[in-house]
Amino acid sequence: MTAPEGVNEVLVSAGFDLAAVLAICEKDAVKDRLKAIANEAIERHEFGAPRFSVGDEMFVGQDRL
């Protein structure tokens, strides 16, 4: 999903209050946390999706889940 409308549709269909979710996304603390997570991923040279790390070991790809 890349279009905001698609994300909004999924949130509403899953029973989320769209206005509440969007309000949370506008909070500085949430934006700061997202930036911190992104910067950590960049520093660790993480890439791909799906991807997860256990300690310093990275796993990339559906076949690794």
PDB file of N, CA and C in Angstrom:
ATOM      1  N   MET A   1       0.839  -1.176   0.000  1.00  0.00           N
ATOM      2  CA  MET A   1       0.000   0.000   0.000  1.00  0.00           C
ATOM      3  C   MET A   1       0.883   1.239   0.000  1.00  0.00           C
ATOM      4  N   THR A   2       0.637   2.094  -0.948  1.00  0.00           N
ATOM      5  CA  THR A   2       1.400   3.338  -1.004  1.00  0.00           C
ATOM      6  C   THR A   2       0.501   4.564  -0.991  1.00  0.00           C
ATOM      7  N   ALA A   3      -0.736   4.412  -1.403  1.00  0.00           N
ATOM      8  CA  ALA A   3      -1.658   5.546  -1.432  1.00  0.00           C
ATOM      9  C   ALA A   3      -2.313   5.717  -0.064  1.00  0.00           C
ATOM     10  N   PRO A   4      -2.350   6.932   0.449  1.00  0.00           N
ATOM     11  CA  PRO A   4      -2.984   7.168   1.753  1.00  0.00           C
ATOM     12  C   PRO A   4      -4.426   6.669   1.804  1.00  0.00           C
ATOM     13  N   GLU A   5      -5.137   6.771   0.697  1.00  0.00           N
ATOM     14  CA  GLU A   5      -6.527   6.330   0.682  1.00  0.00           C
ATOM     15  C   GLU A   5      -6.640   4.839   0.976  1.00  0.00           C
ATOM     16  N   GLY A   6      -5.706   4.059   0.430  1.00  0.00           N
ATOM     17  CA  GLY A   6      -5.718   2.619   0.668  1.00  0.00           C
ATOM     18  C   GLY A   6      -5.454   2.282   2.120  1.00  0.00           C
ATOM     19  N   VAL A   7      -4.506   2.991   2.724  1.00  0.00           N
ATOM     20  CA  VAL A   7      -4.210   2.781   4.145  1.00  0.00           C
ATOM     21  C   VAL A   7      -5.422   3.167   4.978  1.00  0.00           C
ATOM     22  N   ASN A   8      -6.033   4.304   4.658  1.00  0.00           N
ATOM     23  CA  ASN A   8      -7.215   4.753   5.393  1.00  0.00           C
ATOM     24  C   ASN A   8      -8.335   3.725   5.312  1.00  0.00           C
ATOM     25  N   GLU A   9      -8.547   3.176   4.133  1.00  0.00           N
ATOM     26  CA  GLU A   9      -9.606   2.184   3.936  1.00  0.00           C
ATOM     27  C   GLU A   9      -9.361   0.941   4.794  1.00  0.00           C
ATOM     28  N   VAL A  10      -8.128   0.485   4.836  1.00  0.00           N
ATOM     29  CA  VAL A  10      -7.794  -0.693   5.639  1.00  0.00           C
ATOM     30  C   VAL A  10      -7.998  -0.405   7.124  1.00  0.00           C
ATOM     31  N   LEU A  11      -7.563   0.764   7.580  1.00  0.00           N
ATOM     32  CA  LEU A  11      -7.742   1.122   8.990  1.00  0.00           C
ATOM     33  C   LEU A  11      -9.216   1.140   9.375  1.00  0.00           C
ATOM     34  N   VAL A  12     -10.037   1.771   8.557  1.00  0.00           N
ATOM     35  CA  VAL A  12     -11.469   1.857   8.846  1.00  0.00           C
ATOM     36  C   VAL A  12     -12.101   0.472   8.811  1.00  0.00           C
ATOM     37  N   SER A  13     -11.751  -0.344   7.813  1.00  0.00           N
ATOM     38  CA  SER A  13     -12.342  -1.683   7.708  1.00  0.00           C
ATOM     39  C   SER A  13     -11.913  -2.583   8.858  1.00  0.00           C
ATOM     40  N   ALA A  14     -10.765  -2.263   9.479  1.00  0.00           N
ATOM     41  CA  ALA A  14     -10.300  -3.040  10.633  1.00  0.00           C
ATOM     42  C   ALA A  14     -10.886  -2.515  11.942  1.00  0.00           C
ATOM     43  N   GLY A  15     -11.711  -1.471  11.853  1.00  0.00           N
ATOM     44  CA  GLY A  15     -12.386  -0.970  13.038  1.00  0.00           C
ATOM     45  C   GLY A  15     -11.679   0.162  13.765  1.00  0.00           C
ATOM     46  N   PHE A  16     -10.633   0.711  13.168  1.00  0.00           N
ATOM     47  CA  PHE A  16      -9.920   1.817  13.806  1.00  0.00           C
ATOM     48  C   PHE A  16     -10.662   3.130  13.576  1.00  0.00           C
ATOM     49  N   ASP A  17     -10.541   4.029  14.523  1.00  0.00           N
ATOM     50  CA  ASP A  17     -11.063   5.387  14.394  1.00  0.00           C
ATOM     51  C   ASP A  17     -10.032   6.178  13.595  1.00  0.00           C
ATOM     52  N   LEU A  18     -10.333   6.452  12.337  1.00  0.00           N
ATOM     53  CA  LEU A  18      -9.369   7.076  11.439  1.00  0.00           C
ATOM     54  C   LEU A  18      -8.895   8.424  11.965  1.00  0.00           C
ATOM     55  N   ALA A  19      -9.796   9.234  12.476  1.00  0.00           N
ATOM     56  CA  ALA A  19      -9.411  10.552  12.999  1.00  0.00           C
ATOM     57  C   ALA A  19      -8.431  10.410  14.156  1.00  0.00           C
ATOM     58  N   ALA A  20      -8.663   9.422  15.018  1.00  0.00           N
ATOM     59  CA  ALA A  20      -7.770   9.205  16.165  1.00  0.00           C
ATOM     60  C   ALA A  20      -6.389   8.744  15.700  1.00  0.00           C
ATOM     61  N   VAL A  21      -6.353   7.841  14.733  1.00  0.00           N
ATOM     62  CA  VAL A  21      -5.069   7.349  14.213  1.00  0.00           C
ATOM     63  C   VAL A  21      -4.287   8.490  13.570  1.00  0.00           C
ATOM     64  N   LEU A  22      -4.962   9.290  12.763  1.00  0.00           N
ATOM     65  CA  LEU A  22      -4.291  10.410  12.101  1.00  0.00           C
ATOM     66  C   LEU A  22      -3.794  11.436  13.115  1.00  0.00           C
ATOM     67  N   ALA A  23      -4.550  11.658  14.183  1.00  0.00           N
ATOM     68  CA  ALA A  23      -4.123  12.594  15.228  1.00  0.00           C
ATOM     69  C   ALA A  23      -2.868  12.086  15.925  1.00  0.00           C
ATOM     70  N   ILE A  24      -2.817  10.792  16.191  1.00  0.00           N
ATOM     71  CA  ILE A  24      -1.632  10.203  16.827  1.00  0.00           C
ATOM     72  C   ILE A  24      -0.418  10.349  15.909  1.00  0.00           C
ATOM     73  N   CYS A  25      -0.620  10.150  14.617  1.00  0.00           N
ATOM     74  CA  CYS A  25       0.487  10.245  13.654  1.00  0.00           C
ATOM     75  C   CYS A  25       1.069  11.648  13.568  1.00  0.00           C
ATOM     76  N   GLU A  26       0.315  12.643  13.965  1.00  0.00           N
ATOM     77  CA  GLU A  26       0.784  14.030  13.912  1.00  0.00           C
ATOM     78  C   GLU A  26       1.567  14.441  15.154  1.00  0.00           C
ATOM     79  N   LYS A  27       1.597  13.593  16.177  1.00  0.00           N
ATOM     80  CA  LYS A  27       2.300  13.942  17.413  1.00  0.00           C
ATOM     81  C   LYS A  27       3.809  13.925  17.194  1.00  0.00           C
ATOM     82  N   ASP A  28       4.480  14.926  17.755  1.00  0.00           N
ATOM     83  CA  ASP A  28       5.935  15.021  17.607  1.00  0.00           C
ATOM     84  C   ASP A  28       6.646  13.789  18.154  1.00  0.00           C
ATOM     85  N   ALA A  29       6.152  13.230  19.253  1.00  0.00           N
ATOM     86  CA  ALA A  29       6.794  12.051  19.845  1.00  0.00           C
ATOM     87  C   ALA A  29       6.752  10.868  18.881  1.00  0.00           C
ATOM     88  N   VAL A  30       5.651  10.711  18.171  1.00  0.00           N
ATOM     89  CA  VAL A  30       5.516   9.615  17.209  1.00  0.00           C
ATOM     90  C   VAL A  30       6.451   9.849  16.023  1.00  0.00           C
ATOM     91  N   LYS A  31       6.482  11.071  15.520  1.00  0.00           N
ATOM     92  CA  LYS A  31       7.374  11.399  14.404  1.00  0.00           C
ATOM     93  C   LYS A  31       8.837  11.211  14.798  1.00  0.00           C
ATOM     94  N   ASP A  32       9.185  11.648  16.007  1.00  0.00           N
ATOM     95  CA  ASP A  32      10.563  11.498  16.477  1.00  0.00           C
ATOM     96  C   ASP A  32      10.949  10.033  16.601  1.00  0.00           C
ATOM     97  N   ARG A  33      10.025   9.200  17.102  1.00  0.00           N
ATOM     98  CA  ARG A  33      10.309   7.766  17.252  1.00  0.00           C
ATOM     99  C   ARG A  33      10.500   7.110  15.884  1.00  0.00           C
ATOM    100  N   LEU A  34       9.666   7.471  14.928  1.00  0.00           N
ATOM    101  CA  LEU A  34       9.793   6.924  13.576  1.00  0.00           C
ATOM    102  C   LEU A  34      11.136   7.304  12.965  1.00  0.00           C
ATOM    103  N   LYS A  35      11.538   8.548  13.138  1.00  0.00           N
ATOM    104  CA  LYS A  35      12.844   8.991  12.628  1.00  0.00           C
ATOM    105  C   LYS A  35      13.980   8.227  13.299  1.00  0.00           C
ATOM    106  N   ALA A  36      13.864   8.001  14.600  1.00  0.00           N
ATOM    107  CA  ALA A  36      14.910   7.268  15.323  1.00  0.00           C
ATOM    108  C   ALA A  36      15.019   5.832  14.815  1.00  0.00           C
ATOM    109  N   ILE A  37      13.881   5.193  14.594  1.00  0.00           N
ATOM    110  CA  ILE A  37      13.877   3.817  14.081  1.00  0.00           C
ATOM    111  C   ILE A  37      14.487   3.781  12.678  1.00  0.00           C
ATOM    112  N   ALA A  38      14.121   4.739  11.832  1.00  0.00           N
ATOM    113  CA  ALA A  38      14.668   4.789  10.473  1.00  0.00           C
ATOM    114  C   ALA A  38      16.171   5.021  10.502  1.00  0.00           C
ATOM    115  N   ASN A  39      16.628   5.923  11.349  1.00  0.00           N
ATOM    116  CA  ASN A  39      18.066   6.193  11.443  1.00  0.00           C
ATOM    117  C   ASN A  39      18.832   4.979  11.954  1.00  0.00           C
ATOM    118  N   GLU A  40      18.252   4.261  12.907  1.00  0.00           N
ATOM    119  CA  GLU A  40      18.896   3.043  13.410  1.00  0.00           C
ATOM    120  C   GLU A  40      19.021   2.012  12.290  1.00  0.00           C
ATOM    121  N   ALA A  41      17.975   1.865  11.491  1.00  0.00           N
ATOM    122  CA  ALA A  41      18.013   0.919  10.374  1.00  0.00           C
ATOM    123  C   ALA A  41      19.088   1.311   9.365  1.00  0.00           C
ATOM    124  N   ILE A  42      19.210   2.597   9.095  1.00  0.00           N
ATOM    125  CA  ILE A  42      20.241   3.074   8.167  1.00  0.00           C
ATOM    126  C   ILE A  42      21.627   2.770   8.716  1.00  0.00           C
ATOM    127  N   GLU A  43      21.836   3.039   9.992  1.00  0.00           N
ATOM    128  CA  GLU A  43      23.138   2.790  10.616  1.00  0.00           C
ATOM    129  C   GLU A  43      23.501   1.311  10.600  1.00  0.00           C
ATOM    130  N   ARG A  44      22.497   0.449  10.706  1.00  0.00           N
ATOM    131  CA  ARG A  44      22.740  -0.995  10.723  1.00  0.00           C
ATOM    132  C   ARG A  44      22.760  -1.586   9.315  1.00  0.00           C
ATOM    133  N   HIS A  45      22.601  -0.746   8.295  1.00  0.00           N
ATOM    134  CA  HIS A  45      22.576  -1.179   6.893  1.00  0.00           C
ATOM    135  C   HIS A  45      21.455  -2.186   6.648  1.00  0.00           C
ATOM    136  N   GLU A  46      20.314  -1.948   7.279  1.00  0.00           N
ATOM    137  CA  GLU A  46      19.170  -2.838   7.095  1.00  0.00           C
ATOM    138  C   GLU A  46      18.416  -2.450   5.833  1.00  0.00           C
ATOM    139  N   PHE A  47      17.835  -3.446   5.187  1.00  0.00           N
ATOM    140  CA  PHE A  47      17.120  -3.228   3.939  1.00  0.00           C
ATOM    141  C   PHE A  47      16.101  -4.338   3.778  1.00  0.00           C
ATOM    142  N   GLY A  48      15.224  -4.175   2.804  1.00  0.00           N
ATOM    143  CA  GLY A  48      14.306  -5.240   2.432  1.00  0.00           C
ATOM    144  C   GLY A  48      13.062  -5.313   3.293  1.00  0.00           C
ATOM    145  N   ALA A  49      12.100  -6.052   2.774  1.00  0.00           N
ATOM    146  CA  ALA A  49      10.859  -6.266   3.495  1.00  0.00           C
ATOM    147  C   ALA A  49      10.290  -7.602   3.043  1.00  0.00           C
ATOM    148  N   PRO A  50       9.805  -8.438   3.910  1.00  0.00           N
ATOM    149  CA  PRO A  50       9.882  -8.234   5.353  1.00  0.00           C
ATOM    150  C   PRO A  50      11.314  -8.430   5.848  1.00  0.00           C
ATOM    151  N   ARG A  51      11.600  -7.768   6.959  1.00  0.00           N
ATOM    152  CA  ARG A  51      12.926  -7.840   7.557  1.00  0.00           C
ATOM    153  C   ARG A  51      12.793  -7.733   9.061  1.00  0.00           C
ATOM    154  N   PHE A  52      13.563  -8.537   9.776  1.00  0.00           N
ATOM    155  CA  PHE A  52      13.607  -8.385  11.224  1.00  0.00           C
ATOM    156  C   PHE A  52      14.997  -8.721  11.710  1.00  0.00           C
ATOM    157  N   SER A  53      15.319  -8.226  12.885  1.00  0.00           N
ATOM    158  CA  SER A  53      16.639  -8.465  13.471  1.00  0.00           C
ATOM    159  C   SER A  53      16.478  -9.113  14.828  1.00  0.00           C
ATOM    160  N   VAL A  54      17.392 -10.022  15.119  1.00  0.00           N
ATOM    161  CA  VAL A  54      17.501 -10.624  16.442  1.00  0.00           C
ATOM    162  C   VAL A  54      18.926 -10.354  16.882  1.00  0.00           C
ATOM    163  N   GLY A  55      19.063  -9.456  17.847  1.00  0.00           N
ATOM    164  CA  GLY A  55      20.403  -9.027  18.231  1.00  0.00           C
ATOM    165  C   GLY A  55      21.041  -8.323  17.056  1.00  0.00           C
ATOM    166  N   ASP A  56      22.215  -8.777  16.670  1.00  0.00           N
ATOM    167  CA  ASP A  56      22.909  -8.181  15.529  1.00  0.00           C
ATOM    168  C   ASP A  56      22.683  -8.947  14.234  1.00  0.00           C
ATOM    169  N   GLU A  57      21.871 -10.007  14.281  1.00  0.00           N
ATOM    170  CA  GLU A  57      21.636 -10.819  13.089  1.00  0.00           C
ATOM    171  C   GLU A  57      20.357 -10.376  12.384  1.00  0.00           C
ATOM    172  N   MET A  58      20.444 -10.143  11.066  1.00  0.00           N
ATOM    173  CA  MET A  58      19.321  -9.664  10.281  1.00  0.00           C
ATOM    174  C   MET A  58      18.783 -10.793   9.404  1.00  0.00           C
ATOM    175  N   PHE A  59      17.452 -10.861   9.301  1.00  0.00           N
ATOM    176  CA  PHE A  59      16.769 -11.834   8.457  1.00  0.00           C
ATOM    177  C   PHE A  59      15.897 -11.064   7.472  1.00  0.00           C
ATOM    178  N   VAL A  60      16.056 -11.350   6.176  1.00  0.00           N
ATOM    179  CA  VAL A  60      15.312 -10.638   5.141  1.00  0.00           C
ATOM    180  C   VAL A  60      14.595 -11.654   4.275  1.00  0.00           C
ATOM    181  N   GLY A  61      13.315 -11.423   4.022  1.00  0.00           N
ATOM    182  CA  GLY A  61      12.559 -12.247   3.093  1.00  0.00           C
ATOM    183  C   GLY A  61      11.539 -13.135   3.768  1.00  0.00           C
ATOM    184  N   GLN A  62      10.460 -13.394   3.046  1.00  0.00           N
ATOM    185  CA  GLN A  62       9.362 -14.210   3.550  1.00  0.00           C
ATOM    186  C   GLN A  62       9.831 -15.615   3.921  1.00  0.00           C
ATOM    187  N   ASP A  63      10.778 -16.159   3.177  1.00  0.00           N
ATOM    188  CA  ASP A  63      11.251 -17.518   3.436  1.00  0.00           C
ATOM    189  C   ASP A  63      12.041 -17.624   4.734  1.00  0.00           C
ATOM    190  N   ARG A  64      12.392 -16.494   5.340  1.00  0.00           N
ATOM    191  CA  ARG A  64      13.161 -16.502   6.586  1.00  0.00           C
ATOM    192  C   ARG A  64      12.276 -16.346   7.821  1.00  0.00           C
ATOM    193  N   LEU A  65      10.980 -16.065   7.600  1.00  0.00           N
ATOM    194  CA  LEU A  65      10.087 -15.832   8.744  1.00  0.00           C
ATOM    195  C   LEU A  65       9.677 -17.112   9.419  1.00  0.00           C
TER     196      LEU A  65
END
